[in-house]
């Protein structure tokens, strides 16, 4: 089992920045990839960014490319999502996920955190 806890969400004005953190515990060595997804009411969970365990491979949704950066710390137990130039349409609950496959598909991830709310005001 892997436990994931997100933090860092909040309210920010458009154009501002936030950094989300995801602390992983448990059998973290079993997870080859980590990802961030987001969800708004009535919509499906949407891929935001992913990173492999070594940190050598990353991938982003088109909507956040150039504004968001995913990274992993040296202990491989904390993943970050640096979000710059935030827009009102970035408002969502952001979820951290861990899985065995380096994928942009939500079903490929086995473990999920409970989410952290990000609200961007215009």
PDB file of N, CA and C in Angstrom:
ATOM      1  N   UNK A   1       0.834  -1.196   0.000  1.00  0.00           N
ATOM      2  CA  UNK A   1       0.000   0.000   0.000  1.00  0.00           C
ATOM      3  C   UNK A   1       0.874   1.252   0.000  1.00  0.00           C
ATOM      4  N   UNK A   2       0.381   2.252  -0.677  1.00  0.00           N
ATOM      5  CA  UNK A   2       1.050   3.558  -0.701  1.00  0.00           C
ATOM      6  C   UNK A   2       0.034   4.599  -0.246  1.00  0.00           C
ATOM      7  N   UNK A   3       0.439   5.429   0.679  1.00  0.00           N
ATOM      8  CA  UNK A   3      -0.412   6.510   1.140  1.00  0.00           C
ATOM      9  C   UNK A   3       0.102   7.829   0.561  1.00  0.00           C
ATOM     10  N   UNK A   4      -0.830   8.644   0.092  1.00  0.00           N
ATOM     11  CA  UNK A   4      -0.480   9.920  -0.525  1.00  0.00           C
ATOM     12  C   UNK A   4      -1.246  11.047   0.163  1.00  0.00           C
ATOM     13  N   UNK A   5      -0.534  12.102   0.505  1.00  0.00           N
ATOM     14  CA  UNK A   5      -1.170  13.248   1.152  1.00  0.00           C
ATOM     15  C   UNK A   5      -0.751  14.520   0.424  1.00  0.00           C
ATOM     16  N   UNK A   6      -1.747  15.214  -0.128  1.00  0.00           N
ATOM     17  CA  UNK A   6      -1.477  16.460  -0.840  1.00  0.00           C
ATOM     18  C   UNK A   6      -1.557  17.652   0.109  1.00  0.00           C
ATOM     19  N   UNK A   7      -0.835  18.695  -0.236  1.00  0.00           N
ATOM     20  CA  UNK A   7      -0.916  19.957   0.496  1.00  0.00           C
ATOM     21  C   UNK A   7      -0.521  21.098  -0.426  1.00  0.00           C
ATOM     22  N   UNK A   8      -0.800  22.315   0.002  1.00  0.00           N
ATOM     23  CA  UNK A   8      -0.377  23.472  -0.763  1.00  0.00           C
ATOM     24  C   UNK A   8      -1.463  24.174  -1.543  1.00  0.00           C
ATOM     25  N   UNK A   9      -2.657  23.625  -1.544  1.00  0.00           N
ATOM     26  CA  UNK A   9      -3.740  24.280  -2.265  1.00  0.00           C
ATOM     27  C   UNK A   9      -4.176  25.557  -1.556  1.00  0.00           C
ATOM     28  N   UNK A  10      -5.024  26.315  -2.232  1.00  0.00           N
ATOM     29  CA  UNK A  10      -5.524  27.543  -1.634  1.00  0.00           C
ATOM     30  C   UNK A  10      -6.154  28.448  -2.656  1.00  0.00           C
ATOM     31  N   UNK A  11      -6.356  29.692  -2.242  1.00  0.00           N
ATOM     32  CA  UNK A  11      -6.963  30.706  -3.098  1.00  0.00           C
ATOM     33  C   UNK A  11      -5.872  31.658  -3.582  1.00  0.00           C
ATOM     34  N   UNK A  12      -5.857  31.914  -4.880  1.00  0.00           N
ATOM     35  CA  UNK A  12      -4.844  32.792  -5.461  1.00  0.00           C
ATOM     36  C   UNK A  12      -5.485  33.593  -6.586  1.00  0.00           C
ATOM     37  N   UNK A  13      -4.961  34.771  -6.829  1.00  0.00           N
ATOM     38  CA  UNK A  13      -5.464  35.581  -7.929  1.00  0.00           C
ATOM     39  C   UNK A  13      -4.885  35.103  -9.250  1.00  0.00           C
ATOM     40  N   UNK A  14      -5.595  35.373 -10.307  1.00  0.00           N
ATOM     41  CA  UNK A  14      -5.107  35.020 -11.640  1.00  0.00           C
ATOM     42  C   UNK A  14      -3.728  35.646 -11.865  1.00  0.00           C
ATOM     43  N   UNK A  15      -2.842  34.846 -12.455  1.00  0.00           N
ATOM     44  CA  UNK A  15      -1.473  35.285 -12.659  1.00  0.00           C
ATOM     45  C   UNK A  15      -0.534  34.902 -11.540  1.00  0.00           C
ATOM     46  N   UNK A  16      -1.089  34.440 -10.434  1.00  0.00           N
ATOM     47  CA  UNK A  16      -0.285  34.063  -9.287  1.00  0.00           C
ATOM     48  C   UNK A  16       0.259  32.650  -9.388  1.00  0.00           C
ATOM     49  N   UNK A  17       0.904  32.221  -8.308  1.00  0.00           N
ATOM     50  CA  UNK A  17       1.552  30.915  -8.280  1.00  0.00           C
ATOM     51  C   UNK A  17       1.187  30.155  -7.007  1.00  0.00           C
ATOM     52  N   UNK A  18       1.219  28.847  -7.120  1.00  0.00           N
ATOM     53  CA  UNK A  18       1.081  27.941  -5.982  1.00  0.00           C
ATOM     54  C   UNK A  18       2.003  26.757  -6.211  1.00  0.00           C
ATOM     55  N   UNK A  19       2.450  26.149  -5.123  1.00  0.00           N
ATOM     56  CA  UNK A  19       3.193  24.906  -5.233  1.00  0.00           C
ATOM     57  C   UNK A  19       2.487  23.834  -4.414  1.00  0.00           C
ATOM     58  N   UNK A  20       2.079  22.798  -5.103  1.00  0.00           N
ATOM     59  CA  UNK A  20       1.454  21.654  -4.440  1.00  0.00           C
ATOM     60  C   UNK A  20       2.519  20.619  -4.093  1.00  0.00           C
ATOM     61  N   UNK A  21       2.317  19.967  -2.965  1.00  0.00           N
ATOM     62  CA  UNK A  21       3.206  18.886  -2.550  1.00  0.00           C
ATOM     63  C   UNK A  21       2.396  17.615  -2.362  1.00  0.00           C
ATOM     64  N   UNK A  22       3.031  16.494  -2.602  1.00  0.00           N
ATOM     65  CA  UNK A  22       2.413  15.187  -2.389  1.00  0.00           C
ATOM     66  C   UNK A  22       3.415  14.316  -1.657  1.00  0.00           C
ATOM     67  N   UNK A  23       3.125  14.014  -0.407  1.00  0.00           N
ATOM     68  CA  UNK A  23       4.009  13.181   0.396  1.00  0.00           C
ATOM     69  C   UNK A  23       3.544  11.734   0.327  1.00  0.00           C
ATOM     70  N   UNK A  24       4.445  10.858  -0.079  1.00  0.00           N
ATOM     71  CA  UNK A  24       4.127   9.436  -0.211  1.00  0.00           C
ATOM     72  C   UNK A  24       4.760   8.648   0.928  1.00  0.00           C
ATOM     73  N   UNK A  25       4.046   7.662   1.424  1.00  0.00           N
ATOM     74  CA  UNK A  25       4.577   6.770   2.453  1.00  0.00           C
ATOM     75  C   UNK A  25       4.093   5.354   2.178  1.00  0.00           C
ATOM     76  N   UNK A  26       4.722   4.401   2.855  1.00  0.00           N
ATOM     77  CA  UNK A  26       4.370   3.004   2.620  1.00  0.00           C
ATOM     78  C   UNK A  26       5.309   2.388   1.593  1.00  0.00           C
ATOM     79  N   UNK A  27       4.789   1.530   0.747  1.00  0.00           N
ATOM     80  CA  UNK A  27       5.593   0.800  -0.240  1.00  0.00           C
ATOM     81  C   UNK A  27       5.856   1.663  -1.473  1.00  0.00           C
ATOM     82  N   UNK A  28       6.518   2.780  -1.256  1.00  0.00           N
ATOM     83  CA  UNK A  28       6.730   3.735  -2.342  1.00  0.00           C
ATOM     84  C   UNK A  28       7.610   3.180  -3.452  1.00  0.00           C
ATOM     85  N   UNK A  29       8.457   2.186  -3.134  1.00  0.00           N
ATOM     86  CA  UNK A  29       9.348   1.640  -4.152  1.00  0.00           C
ATOM     87  C   UNK A  29       8.577   0.887  -5.230  1.00  0.00           C
ATOM     88  N   UNK A  30       7.315   0.552  -4.936  1.00  0.00           N
ATOM     89  CA  UNK A  30       6.494  -0.179  -5.910  1.00  0.00           C
ATOM     90  C   UNK A  30       5.890   0.727  -6.966  1.00  0.00           C
ATOM     91  N   UNK A  31       6.033   2.024  -6.795  1.00  0.00           N
ATOM     92  CA  UNK A  31       5.434   2.976  -7.726  1.00  0.00           C
ATOM     93  C   UNK A  31       6.487   3.488  -8.703  1.00  0.00           C
ATOM     94  N   UNK A  32       6.288   3.212  -9.982  1.00  0.00           N
ATOM     95  CA  UNK A  32       7.236   3.651 -11.004  1.00  0.00           C
ATOM     96  C   UNK A  32       6.952   5.065 -11.474  1.00  0.00           C
ATOM     97  N   UNK A  33       5.749   5.548 -11.198  1.00  0.00           N
ATOM     98  CA  UNK A  33       5.371   6.860 -11.705  1.00  0.00           C
ATOM     99  C   UNK A  33       4.442   7.560 -10.732  1.00  0.00           C
ATOM    100  N   UNK A  34       4.492   8.876 -10.772  1.00  0.00           N
ATOM    101  CA  UNK A  34       3.593   9.708  -9.984  1.00  0.00           C
ATOM    102  C   UNK A  34       2.926  10.698 -10.927  1.00  0.00           C
ATOM    103  N   UNK A  35       1.733  11.099 -10.572  1.00  0.00           N
ATOM    104  CA  UNK A  35       1.032  12.035 -11.432  1.00  0.00           C
ATOM    105  C   UNK A  35       0.149  12.981 -10.658  1.00  0.00           C
ATOM    106  N   UNK A  36      -0.214  14.049 -11.335  1.00  0.00           N
ATOM    107  CA  UNK A  36      -1.191  15.000 -10.809  1.00  0.00           C
ATOM    108  C   UNK A  36      -2.384  15.036 -11.766  1.00  0.00           C
ATOM    109  N   UNK A  37      -3.551  14.987 -11.196  1.00  0.00           N
ATOM    110  CA  UNK A  37      -4.793  15.102 -11.943  1.00  0.00           C
ATOM    111  C   UNK A  37      -5.644  16.172 -11.275  1.00  0.00           C
ATOM    112  N   UNK A  38      -6.646  16.646 -11.976  1.00  0.00           N
ATOM    113  CA  UNK A  38      -7.551  17.625 -11.381  1.00  0.00           C
ATOM    114  C   UNK A  38      -8.976  17.330 -11.813  1.00  0.00           C
ATOM    115  N   UNK A  39      -9.911  17.805 -11.005  1.00  0.00           N
ATOM    116  CA  UNK A  39     -11.313  17.525 -11.275  1.00  0.00           C
ATOM    117  C   UNK A  39     -12.175  18.679 -10.796  1.00  0.00           C
ATOM    118  N   UNK A  40     -13.159  19.036 -11.622  1.00  0.00           N
ATOM    119  CA  UNK A  40     -14.159  20.024 -11.258  1.00  0.00           C
ATOM    120  C   UNK A  40     -15.512  19.331 -11.221  1.00  0.00           C
ATOM    121  N   UNK A  41     -16.460  19.898 -10.499  1.00  0.00           N
ATOM    122  CA  UNK A  41     -17.763  19.236 -10.358  1.00  0.00           C
ATOM    123  C   UNK A  41     -18.411  18.920 -11.698  1.00  0.00           C
ATOM    124  N   UNK A  42     -18.872  17.707 -11.840  1.00  0.00           N
ATOM    125  CA  UNK A  42     -19.570  17.290 -13.043  1.00  0.00           C
ATOM    126  C   UNK A  42     -18.671  16.878 -14.187  1.00  0.00           C
ATOM    127  N   UNK A  43     -17.365  16.945 -13.985  1.00  0.00           N
ATOM    128  CA  UNK A  43     -16.437  16.574 -15.050  1.00  0.00           C
ATOM    129  C   UNK A  43     -15.558  15.409 -14.616  1.00  0.00           C
ATOM    130  N   UNK A  44     -15.002  14.718 -15.618  1.00  0.00           N
ATOM    131  CA  UNK A  44     -14.110  13.609 -15.320  1.00  0.00           C
ATOM    132  C   UNK A  44     -12.760  14.137 -14.816  1.00  0.00           C
ATOM    133  N   UNK A  45     -12.065  13.252 -14.110  1.00  0.00           N
ATOM    134  CA  UNK A  45     -10.744  13.611 -13.637  1.00  0.00           C
ATOM    135  C   UNK A  45      -9.820  13.817 -14.841  1.00  0.00           C
ATOM    136  N   UNK A  46      -9.066  14.897 -14.835  1.00  0.00           N
ATOM    137  CA  UNK A  46      -8.263  15.308 -15.982  1.00  0.00           C
ATOM    138  C   UNK A  46      -6.772  15.205 -15.664  1.00  0.00           C
ATOM    139  N   UNK A  47      -6.021  14.650 -16.596  1.00  0.00           N
ATOM    140  CA  UNK A  47      -4.568  14.553 -16.446  1.00  0.00           C
ATOM    141  C   UNK A  47      -3.943  15.937 -16.455  1.00  0.00           C
ATOM    142  N   UNK A  48      -2.981  16.168 -15.567  1.00  0.00           N
ATOM    143  CA  UNK A  48      -2.266  17.431 -15.516  1.00  0.00           C
ATOM    144  C   UNK A  48      -0.785  17.224 -15.827  1.00  0.00           C
ATOM    145  N   UNK A  49      -0.130  16.320 -15.081  1.00  0.00           N
ATOM    146  CA  UNK A  49       1.310  16.100 -15.270  1.00  0.00           C
ATOM    147  C   UNK A  49       1.689  14.745 -14.694  1.00  0.00           C
ATOM    148  N   UNK A  50       2.791  14.194 -15.170  1.00  0.00           N
ATOM    149  CA  UNK A  50       3.303  12.926 -14.664  1.00  0.00           C
ATOM    150  C   UNK A  50       4.818  12.964 -14.666  1.00  0.00           C
ATOM    151  N   UNK A  51       5.393  12.121 -13.819  1.00  0.00           N
ATOM    152  CA  UNK A  51       6.837  12.023 -13.700  1.00  0.00           C
ATOM    153  C   UNK A  51       7.191  10.593 -13.333  1.00  0.00           C
ATOM    154  N   UNK A  52       8.309  10.095 -13.879  1.00  0.00           N
ATOM    155  CA  UNK A  52       8.728   8.756 -13.488  1.00  0.00           C
ATOM    156  C   UNK A  52       9.540   8.840 -12.193  1.00  0.00           C
ATOM    157  N   UNK A  53       9.796   7.687 -11.594  1.00  0.00           N
ATOM    158  CA  UNK A  53      10.392   7.662 -10.269  1.00  0.00           C
ATOM    159  C   UNK A  53      11.766   8.317 -10.228  1.00  0.00           C
ATOM    160  N   UNK A  54      12.515   8.173 -11.313  1.00  0.00           N
ATOM    161  CA  UNK A  54      13.857   8.753 -11.343  1.00  0.00           C
ATOM    162  C   UNK A  54      13.818  10.264 -11.556  1.00  0.00           C
ATOM    163  N   UNK A  55      12.682  10.741 -12.040  1.00  0.00           N
ATOM    164  CA  UNK A  55      12.570  12.161 -12.346  1.00  0.00           C
ATOM    165  C   UNK A  55      13.084  12.521 -13.723  1.00  0.00           C
ATOM    166  N   UNK A  56      13.517  11.501 -14.478  1.00  0.00           N
ATOM    167  CA  UNK A  56      14.100  11.770 -15.776  1.00  0.00           C
ATOM    168  C   UNK A  56      13.101  11.958 -16.899  1.00  0.00           C
ATOM    169  N   UNK A  57      11.869  11.607 -16.649  1.00  0.00           N
ATOM    170  CA  UNK A  57      10.840  11.745 -17.675  1.00  0.00           C
ATOM    171  C   UNK A  57       9.634  12.459 -17.089  1.00  0.00           C
ATOM    172  N   UNK A  58       9.162  13.466 -17.806  1.00  0.00           N
ATOM    173  CA  UNK A  58       7.977  14.204 -17.390  1.00  0.00           C
ATOM    174  C   UNK A  58       7.071  14.421 -18.603  1.00  0.00           C
ATOM    175  N   UNK A  59       5.826  14.724 -18.314  1.00  0.00           N
ATOM    176  CA  UNK A  59       4.859  14.957 -19.385  1.00  0.00           C
ATOM    177  C   UNK A  59       3.755  15.834 -18.827  1.00  0.00           C
ATOM    178  N   UNK A  60       3.190  16.686 -19.700  1.00  0.00           N
ATOM    179  CA  UNK A  60       2.189  17.641 -19.249  1.00  0.00           C
ATOM    180  C   UNK A  60       0.995  17.683 -20.187  1.00  0.00           C
ATOM    181  N   UNK A  61      -0.144  18.022 -19.638  1.00  0.00           N
ATOM    182  CA  UNK A  61      -1.297  18.310 -20.480  1.00  0.00           C
ATOM    183  C   UNK A  61      -1.018  19.598 -21.254  1.00  0.00           C
ATOM    184  N   UNK A  62      -1.574  19.693 -22.443  1.00  0.00           N
ATOM    185  CA  UNK A  62      -1.345  20.882 -23.272  1.00  0.00           C
ATOM    186  C   UNK A  62      -1.769  22.161 -22.545  1.00  0.00           C
ATOM    187  N   UNK A  63      -2.823  22.062 -21.758  1.00  0.00           N
ATOM    188  CA  UNK A  63      -3.380  23.241 -21.102  1.00  0.00           C
ATOM    189  C   UNK A  63      -2.459  23.837 -20.034  1.00  0.00           C
ATOM    190  N   UNK A  64      -1.480  23.063 -19.572  1.00  0.00           N
ATOM    191  CA  UNK A  64      -0.596  23.568 -18.514  1.00  0.00           C
ATOM    192  C   UNK A  64       0.860  23.642 -18.943  1.00  0.00           C
ATOM    193  N   UNK A  65       1.170  23.161 -20.129  1.00  0.00           N
ATOM    194  CA  UNK A  65       2.559  23.181 -20.610  1.00  0.00           C
ATOM    195  C   UNK A  65       3.096  24.600 -20.629  1.00  0.00           C
ATOM    196  N   UNK A  66       4.290  24.752 -20.060  1.00  0.00           N
ATOM    197  CA  UNK A  66       4.908  26.074 -20.001  1.00  0.00           C
ATOM    198  C   UNK A  66       4.549  26.851 -18.752  1.00  0.00           C
ATOM    199  N   UNK A  67       3.540  26.399 -18.020  1.00  0.00           N
ATOM    200  CA  UNK A  67       3.127  27.093 -16.788  1.00  0.00           C
ATOM    201  C   UNK A  67       3.349  26.237 -15.542  1.00  0.00           C
ATOM    202  N   UNK A  68       3.180  24.942 -15.659  1.00  0.00           N
ATOM    203  CA  UNK A  68       3.318  24.021 -14.526  1.00  0.00           C
ATOM    204  C   UNK A  68       4.590  23.204 -14.681  1.00  0.00           C
ATOM    205  N   UNK A  69       5.187  22.859 -13.530  1.00  0.00           N
ATOM    206  CA  UNK A  69       6.377  22.014 -13.528  1.00  0.00           C
ATOM    207  C   UNK A  69       6.232  20.954 -12.443  1.00  0.00           C
ATOM    208  N   UNK A  70       6.392  19.699 -12.838  1.00  0.00           N
ATOM    209  CA  UNK A  70       6.352  18.595 -11.880  1.00  0.00           C
ATOM    210  C   UNK A  70       7.780  18.185 -11.552  1.00  0.00           C
ATOM    211  N   UNK A  71       8.018  17.843 -10.287  1.00  0.00           N
ATOM    212  CA  UNK A  71       9.356  17.414  -9.878  1.00  0.00           C
ATOM    213  C   UNK A  71       9.231  16.440  -8.720  1.00  0.00           C
ATOM    214  N   UNK A  72      10.320  15.725  -8.447  1.00  0.00           N
ATOM    215  CA  UNK A  72      10.350  14.761  -7.360  1.00  0.00           C
ATOM    216  C   UNK A  72      11.616  14.986  -6.544  1.00  0.00           C
ATOM    217  N   UNK A  73      11.525  14.820  -5.239  1.00  0.00           N
ATOM    218  CA  UNK A  73      12.694  15.092  -4.405  1.00  0.00           C
ATOM    219  C   UNK A  73      13.675  13.922  -4.423  1.00  0.00           C
ATOM    220  N   UNK A  74      14.841  14.127  -3.836  1.00  0.00           N
ATOM    221  CA  UNK A  74      15.898  13.119  -3.892  1.00  0.00           C
ATOM    222  C   UNK A  74      15.530  11.827  -3.173  1.00  0.00           C
ATOM    223  N   UNK A  75      14.647  11.908  -2.191  1.00  0.00           N
ATOM    224  CA  UNK A  75      14.237  10.695  -1.475  1.00  0.00           C
ATOM    225  C   UNK A  75      13.175   9.918  -2.239  1.00  0.00           C
ATOM    226  N   UNK A  76      12.675  10.512  -3.327  1.00  0.00           N
ATOM    227  CA  UNK A  76      11.643   9.888  -4.177  1.00  0.00           C
ATOM    228  C   UNK A  76      10.341   9.654  -3.422  1.00  0.00           C
ATOM    229  N   UNK A  77      10.100  10.450  -2.370  1.00  0.00           N
ATOM    230  CA  UNK A  77       8.872  10.280  -1.607  1.00  0.00           C
ATOM    231  C   UNK A  77       7.977  11.512  -1.634  1.00  0.00           C
ATOM    232  N   UNK A  78       8.439  12.592  -2.229  1.00  0.00           N
ATOM    233  CA  UNK A  78       7.622  13.800  -2.320  1.00  0.00           C
ATOM    234  C   UNK A  78       7.649  14.318  -3.746  1.00  0.00           C
ATOM    235  N   UNK A  79       6.475  14.547  -4.279  1.00  0.00           N
ATOM    236  CA  UNK A  79       6.330  15.078  -5.628  1.00  0.00           C
ATOM    237  C   UNK A  79       5.726  16.476  -5.524  1.00  0.00           C
ATOM    238  N   UNK A  80       6.213  17.359  -6.344  1.00  0.00           N
ATOM    239  CA  UNK A  80       5.754  18.738  -6.324  1.00  0.00           C
ATOM    240  C   UNK A  80       5.107  19.108  -7.659  1.00  0.00           C
ATOM    241  N   UNK A  81       4.202  20.057  -7.591  1.00  0.00           N
ATOM    242  CA  UNK A  81       3.645  20.647  -8.805  1.00  0.00           C
ATOM    243  C   UNK A  81       3.710  22.156  -8.630  1.00  0.00           C
ATOM    244  N   UNK A  82       4.673  22.772  -9.302  1.00  0.00           N
ATOM    245  CA  UNK A  82       4.796  24.222  -9.285  1.00  0.00           C
ATOM    246  C   UNK A  82       3.872  24.792 -10.354  1.00  0.00           C
ATOM    247  N   UNK A  83       2.952  25.634  -9.926  1.00  0.00           N
ATOM    248  CA  UNK A  83       1.952  26.175 -10.844  1.00  0.00           C
ATOM    249  C   UNK A  83       2.129  27.689 -10.920  1.00  0.00           C
ATOM    250  N   UNK A  84       2.489  28.159 -12.094  1.00  0.00           N
ATOM    251  CA  UNK A  84       2.691  29.591 -12.324  1.00  0.00           C
ATOM    252  C   UNK A  84       1.662  30.113 -13.320  1.00  0.00           C
ATOM    253  N   UNK A  85       1.519  31.430 -13.373  1.00  0.00           N
ATOM    254  CA  UNK A  85       0.586  32.061 -14.314  1.00  0.00           C
ATOM    255  C   UNK A  85      -0.780  31.408 -14.253  1.00  0.00           C
ATOM    256  N   UNK A  86      -1.277  31.235 -13.059  1.00  0.00           N
ATOM    257  CA  UNK A  86      -2.540  30.530 -12.882  1.00  0.00           C
ATOM    258  C   UNK A  86      -3.702  31.294 -13.494  1.00  0.00           C
ATOM    259  N   UNK A  87      -4.657  30.528 -14.004  1.00  0.00           N
ATOM    260  CA  UNK A  87      -5.845  31.069 -14.657  1.00  0.00           C
ATOM    261  C   UNK A  87      -7.081  30.587 -13.909  1.00  0.00           C
ATOM    262  N   UNK A  88      -8.186  31.308 -14.020  1.00  0.00           N
ATOM    263  CA  UNK A  88      -9.422  30.845 -13.361  1.00  0.00           C
ATOM    264  C   UNK A  88      -9.813  29.428 -13.783  1.00  0.00           C
ATOM    265  N   UNK A  89      -9.524  29.054 -15.015  1.00  0.00           N
ATOM    266  CA  UNK A  89      -9.872  27.704 -15.470  1.00  0.00           C
ATOM    267  C   UNK A  89      -8.997  26.617 -14.859  1.00  0.00           C
ATOM    268  N   UNK A  90      -7.972  27.004 -14.109  1.00  0.00           N
ATOM    269  CA  UNK A  90      -7.182  26.017 -13.369  1.00  0.00           C
ATOM    270  C   UNK A  90      -7.849  25.635 -12.049  1.00  0.00           C
ATOM    271  N   UNK A  91      -8.918  26.317 -11.688  1.00  0.00           N
ATOM    272  CA  UNK A  91      -9.641  26.017 -10.459  1.00  0.00           C
ATOM    273  C   UNK A  91     -10.164  24.587 -10.491  1.00  0.00           C
ATOM    274  N   UNK A  92      -9.811  23.814  -9.470  1.00  0.00           N
ATOM    275  CA  UNK A  92     -10.202  22.406  -9.401  1.00  0.00           C
ATOM    276  C   UNK A  92      -9.680  21.813  -8.099  1.00  0.00           C
ATOM    277  N   UNK A  93     -10.110  20.602  -7.836  1.00  0.00           N
ATOM    278  CA  UNK A  93      -9.459  19.797  -6.798  1.00  0.00           C
ATOM    279  C   UNK A  93      -8.333  19.038  -7.477  1.00  0.00           C
ATOM    280  N   UNK A  94      -7.149  19.165  -6.933  1.00  0.00           N
ATOM    281  CA  UNK A  94      -5.968  18.521  -7.503  1.00  0.00           C
ATOM    282  C   UNK A  94      -5.633  17.269  -6.703  1.00  0.00           C
ATOM    283  N   UNK A  95      -5.438  16.174  -7.431  1.00  0.00           N
ATOM    284  CA  UNK A  95      -5.154  14.886  -6.823  1.00  0.00           C
ATOM    285  C   UNK A  95      -3.774  14.390  -7.230  1.00  0.00           C
ATOM    286  N   UNK A  96      -3.083  13.819  -6.271  1.00  0.00           N
ATOM    287  CA  UNK A  96      -1.824  13.139  -6.526  1.00  0.00           C
ATOM    288  C   UNK A  96      -2.103  11.657  -6.699  1.00  0.00           C
ATOM    289  N   UNK A  97      -1.358  10.999  -7.581  1.00  0.00           N
ATOM    290  CA  UNK A  97      -1.568   9.583  -7.829  1.00  0.00           C
ATOM    291  C   UNK A  97      -0.236   8.880  -8.012  1.00  0.00           C
ATOM    292  N   UNK A  98      -0.222   7.594  -7.703  1.00  0.00           N
ATOM    293  CA  UNK A  98       0.983   6.778  -7.871  1.00  0.00           C
ATOM    294  C   UNK A  98       0.607   5.467  -8.533  1.00  0.00           C
ATOM    295  N   UNK A  99       1.489   4.976  -9.399  1.00  0.00           N
ATOM    296  CA  UNK A  99       1.195   3.730 -10.088  1.00  0.00           C
ATOM    297  C   UNK A  99       2.447   3.088 -10.642  1.00  0.00           C
ATOM    298  N   UNK A 100       2.270   1.901 -11.220  1.00  0.00           N
ATOM    299  CA  UNK A 100       3.399   1.130 -11.754  1.00  0.00           C
ATOM    300  C   UNK A 100       3.730   1.503 -13.195  1.00  0.00           C
ATOM    301  N   UNK A 101       2.813   2.221 -13.839  1.00  0.00           N
ATOM    302  CA  UNK A 101       2.987   2.510 -15.260  1.00  0.00           C
ATOM    303  C   UNK A 101       3.099   4.016 -15.466  1.00  0.00           C
ATOM    304  N   UNK A 102       4.025   4.440 -16.315  1.00  0.00           N
ATOM    305  CA  UNK A 102       4.189   5.846 -16.649  1.00  0.00           C
ATOM    306  C   UNK A 102       3.111   6.199 -17.674  1.00  0.00           C
ATOM    307  N   UNK A 103       1.963   6.635 -17.156  1.00  0.00           N
ATOM    308  CA  UNK A 103       0.796   6.824 -18.001  1.00  0.00           C
ATOM    309  C   UNK A 103       0.128   8.159 -17.702  1.00  0.00           C
ATOM    310  N   UNK A 104      -0.633   8.645 -18.689  1.00  0.00           N
ATOM    311  CA  UNK A 104      -1.423   9.855 -18.499  1.00  0.00           C
ATOM    312  C   UNK A 104      -2.893   9.520 -18.262  1.00  0.00           C
ATOM    313  N   UNK A 105      -3.168   8.246 -18.100  1.00  0.00           N
ATOM    314  CA  UNK A 105      -4.544   7.781 -17.928  1.00  0.00           C
ATOM    315  C   UNK A 105      -4.818   7.506 -16.454  1.00  0.00           C
ATOM    316  N   UNK A 106      -5.886   8.071 -15.939  1.00  0.00           N
ATOM    317  CA  UNK A 106      -6.216   7.898 -14.524  1.00  0.00           C
ATOM    318  C   UNK A 106      -6.356   6.435 -14.094  1.00  0.00           C
ATOM    319  N   UNK A 107      -6.997   5.584 -14.897  1.00  0.00           N
ATOM    320  CA  UNK A 107      -7.138   4.177 -14.484  1.00  0.00           C
ATOM    321  C   UNK A 107      -5.805   3.441 -14.301  1.00  0.00           C
ATOM    322  N   UNK A 108      -4.728   3.974 -14.864  1.00  0.00           N
ATOM    323  CA  UNK A 108      -3.426   3.310 -14.742  1.00  0.00           C
ATOM    324  C   UNK A 108      -2.787   3.535 -13.379  1.00  0.00           C
ATOM    325  N   UNK A 109      -3.344   4.462 -12.620  1.00  0.00           N
ATOM    326  CA  UNK A 109      -2.784   4.767 -11.305  1.00  0.00           C
ATOM    327  C   UNK A 109      -3.560   4.022 -10.224  1.00  0.00           C
ATOM    328  N   UNK A 110      -2.817   3.419  -9.322  1.00  0.00           N
ATOM    329  CA  UNK A 110      -3.411   2.564  -8.295  1.00  0.00           C
ATOM    330  C   UNK A 110      -3.768   3.327  -7.027  1.00  0.00           C
ATOM    331  N   UNK A 111      -2.929   4.256  -6.647  1.00  0.00           N
ATOM    332  CA  UNK A 111      -3.088   4.935  -5.366  1.00  0.00           C
ATOM    333  C   UNK A 111      -3.382   6.407  -5.594  1.00  0.00           C
ATOM    334  N   UNK A 112      -4.260   6.937  -4.750  1.00  0.00           N
ATOM    335  CA  UNK A 112      -4.701   8.322  -4.887  1.00  0.00           C
ATOM    336  C   UNK A 112      -4.740   9.010  -3.531  1.00  0.00           C
ATOM    337  N   UNK A 113      -4.411  10.299  -3.546  1.00  0.00           N
ATOM    338  CA  UNK A 113      -4.619  11.099  -2.352  1.00  0.00           C
ATOM    339  C   UNK A 113      -6.048  11.599  -2.310  1.00  0.00           C
ATOM    340  N   UNK A 114      -6.364  12.353  -1.259  1.00  0.00           N
ATOM    341  CA  UNK A 114      -7.736  12.841  -1.086  1.00  0.00           C
ATOM    342  C   UNK A 114      -7.980  14.165  -1.791  1.00  0.00           C
ATOM    343  N   UNK A 115      -6.932  14.789  -2.280  1.00  0.00           N
ATOM    344  CA  UNK A 115      -7.085  16.010  -3.047  1.00  0.00           C
ATOM    345  C   UNK A 115      -6.893  17.276  -2.246  1.00  0.00           C
ATOM    346  N   UNK A 116      -6.542  18.339  -2.963  1.00  0.00           N
ATOM    347  CA  UNK A 116      -6.397  19.661  -2.359  1.00  0.00           C
ATOM    348  C   UNK A 116      -7.031  20.677  -3.307  1.00  0.00           C
ATOM    349  N   UNK A 117      -7.805  21.591  -2.752  1.00  0.00           N
ATOM    350  CA  UNK A 117      -8.543  22.551  -3.562  1.00  0.00           C
ATOM    351  C   UNK A 117      -7.641  23.698  -3.991  1.00  0.00           C
ATOM    352  N   UNK A 118      -7.703  24.005  -5.280  1.00  0.00           N
ATOM    353  CA  UNK A 118      -7.037  25.186  -5.827  1.00  0.00           C
ATOM    354  C   UNK A 118      -8.113  26.073  -6.441  1.00  0.00           C
ATOM    355  N   UNK A 119      -8.170  27.311  -5.991  1.00  0.00           N
ATOM    356  CA  UNK A 119      -9.145  28.261  -6.510  1.00  0.00           C
ATOM    357  C   UNK A 119      -8.415  29.491  -7.016  1.00  0.00           C
ATOM    358  N   UNK A 120      -8.650  29.820  -8.286  1.00  0.00           N
ATOM    359  CA  UNK A 120      -8.001  30.972  -8.904  1.00  0.00           C
ATOM    360  C   UNK A 120      -9.074  32.003  -9.209  1.00  0.00           C
ATOM    361  N   UNK A 121      -8.955  33.155  -8.595  1.00  0.00           N
ATOM    362  CA  UNK A 121      -9.953  34.206  -8.795  1.00  0.00           C
ATOM    363  C   UNK A 121      -9.518  35.129  -9.931  1.00  0.00           C
ATOM    364  N   UNK A 122     -10.513  35.663 -10.620  1.00  0.00           N
ATOM    365  CA  UNK A 122     -10.222  36.536 -11.766  1.00  0.00           C
ATOM    366  C   UNK A 122     -10.111  37.985 -11.338  1.00  0.00           C
TER     367      UNK A 122
END
